[in-house]
């Protein structure tokens, strides 16, 4: 039996499948941050803050 194939196939690799879990955690984190940004964007005070900021930057 060739042991190199077992290691390359992930049968004896203790970290096999970790990349999938890391992608899942990253996706959940990115979704949470996107949700917070969307919630902020729907707040009147946040819209006014950015409107005033851009007005002062561009002197409109």
C-alpha atoms as a PDB file:
ATOM      1  CA  UNK A   1       0.000   0.000   0.000  1.00  0.00           C
ATOM      2  CA  UNK A   2       1.333   3.398  -0.972  1.00  0.00           C
ATOM      3  CA  UNK A   3       1.081   5.755   2.022  1.00  0.00           C
ATOM      4  CA  UNK A   4       1.713   8.869  -0.088  1.00  0.00           C
ATOM      5  CA  UNK A   5      -1.715   8.491  -1.683  1.00  0.00           C
ATOM      6  CA  UNK A   6      -3.391   8.307   1.719  1.00  0.00           C
ATOM      7  CA  UNK A   7      -1.814  11.542   2.893  1.00  0.00           C
ATOM      8  CA  UNK A   8      -2.539  13.324  -0.387  1.00  0.00           C
ATOM      9  CA  UNK A   9      -6.149  12.152  -0.368  1.00  0.00           C
ATOM     10  CA  UNK A  10      -6.632  13.590   3.124  1.00  0.00           C
ATOM     11  CA  UNK A  11      -7.340  10.308   4.913  1.00  0.00           C
ATOM     12  CA  UNK A  12      -4.516  10.758   7.421  1.00  0.00           C
ATOM     13  CA  UNK A  13      -4.406  14.525   7.324  1.00  0.00           C
ATOM     14  CA  UNK A  14      -5.826  15.877  10.607  1.00  0.00           C
ATOM     15  CA  UNK A  15      -6.640  19.227   8.975  1.00  0.00           C
ATOM     16  CA  UNK A  16      -8.595  17.801   6.056  1.00  0.00           C
ATOM     17  CA  UNK A  17     -11.726  19.854   5.500  1.00  0.00           C
ATOM     18  CA  UNK A  18     -10.506  22.868   7.437  1.00  0.00           C
ATOM     19  CA  UNK A  19     -10.655  25.132   4.422  1.00  0.00           C
ATOM     20  CA  UNK A  20     -14.404  24.544   4.125  1.00  0.00           C
ATOM     21  CA  UNK A  21     -14.921  25.501   7.766  1.00  0.00           C
ATOM     22  CA  UNK A  22     -12.758  28.597   7.342  1.00  0.00           C
ATOM     23  CA  UNK A  23     -14.765  29.681   4.304  1.00  0.00           C
ATOM     24  CA  UNK A  24     -17.980  29.173   6.280  1.00  0.00           C
ATOM     25  CA  UNK A  25     -16.746  31.337   9.157  1.00  0.00           C
ATOM     26  CA  UNK A  26     -15.592  34.024   6.719  1.00  0.00           C
ATOM     27  CA  UNK A  27     -18.926  33.985   4.914  1.00  0.00           C
ATOM     28  CA  UNK A  28     -20.896  34.308   8.147  1.00  0.00           C
ATOM     29  CA  UNK A  29     -18.650  37.150   9.285  1.00  0.00           C
ATOM     30  CA  UNK A  30     -18.961  39.006   5.985  1.00  0.00           C
ATOM     31  CA  UNK A  31     -22.735  38.535   6.000  1.00  0.00           C
ATOM     32  CA  UNK A  32     -22.965  39.919   9.523  1.00  0.00           C
ATOM     33  CA  UNK A  33     -20.940  43.003   8.629  1.00  0.00           C
ATOM     34  CA  UNK A  34     -23.035  43.525   5.481  1.00  0.00           C
ATOM     35  CA  UNK A  35     -26.190  43.314   7.595  1.00  0.00           C
ATOM     36  CA  UNK A  36     -24.893  45.949   9.988  1.00  0.00           C
ATOM     37  CA  UNK A  37     -23.958  48.242   7.086  1.00  0.00           C
ATOM     38  CA  UNK A  38     -27.420  47.834   5.564  1.00  0.00           C
ATOM     39  CA  UNK A  39     -29.060  48.561   8.911  1.00  0.00           C
ATOM     40  CA  UNK A  40     -26.923  51.692   9.304  1.00  0.00           C
ATOM     41  CA  UNK A  41     -27.691  52.840   5.758  1.00  0.00           C
ATOM     42  CA  UNK A  42     -31.415  52.744   6.546  1.00  0.00           C
ATOM     43  CA  UNK A  43     -31.041  55.021   9.580  1.00  0.00           C
ATOM     44  CA  UNK A  44     -31.938  58.681   9.038  1.00  0.00           C
ATOM     45  CA  UNK A  45     -29.121  59.990  11.223  1.00  0.00           C
ATOM     46  CA  UNK A  46     -26.579  57.972   9.236  1.00  0.00           C
ATOM     47  CA  UNK A  47     -27.861  59.330   5.928  1.00  0.00           C
ATOM     48  CA  UNK A  48     -27.736  62.873   7.271  1.00  0.00           C
ATOM     49  CA  UNK A  49     -24.211  62.325   8.558  1.00  0.00           C
ATOM     50  CA  UNK A  50     -22.959  61.229   5.156  1.00  0.00           C
ATOM     51  CA  UNK A  51     -24.912  63.918   3.328  1.00  0.00           C
ATOM     52  CA  UNK A  52     -23.388  66.612   5.551  1.00  0.00           C
ATOM     53  CA  UNK A  53     -19.956  65.056   5.183  1.00  0.00           C
ATOM     54  CA  UNK A  54     -20.120  65.099   1.390  1.00  0.00           C
ATOM     55  CA  UNK A  55     -21.573  68.617   1.372  1.00  0.00           C
ATOM     56  CA  UNK A  56     -18.681  69.869   3.457  1.00  0.00           C
ATOM     57  CA  UNK A  57     -16.110  68.024   1.346  1.00  0.00           C
ATOM     58  CA  UNK A  58     -17.444  69.196  -2.015  1.00  0.00           C
ATOM     59  CA  UNK A  59     -18.912  72.528  -0.783  1.00  0.00           C
ATOM     60  CA  UNK A  60     -22.238  71.941  -2.529  1.00  0.00           C
END
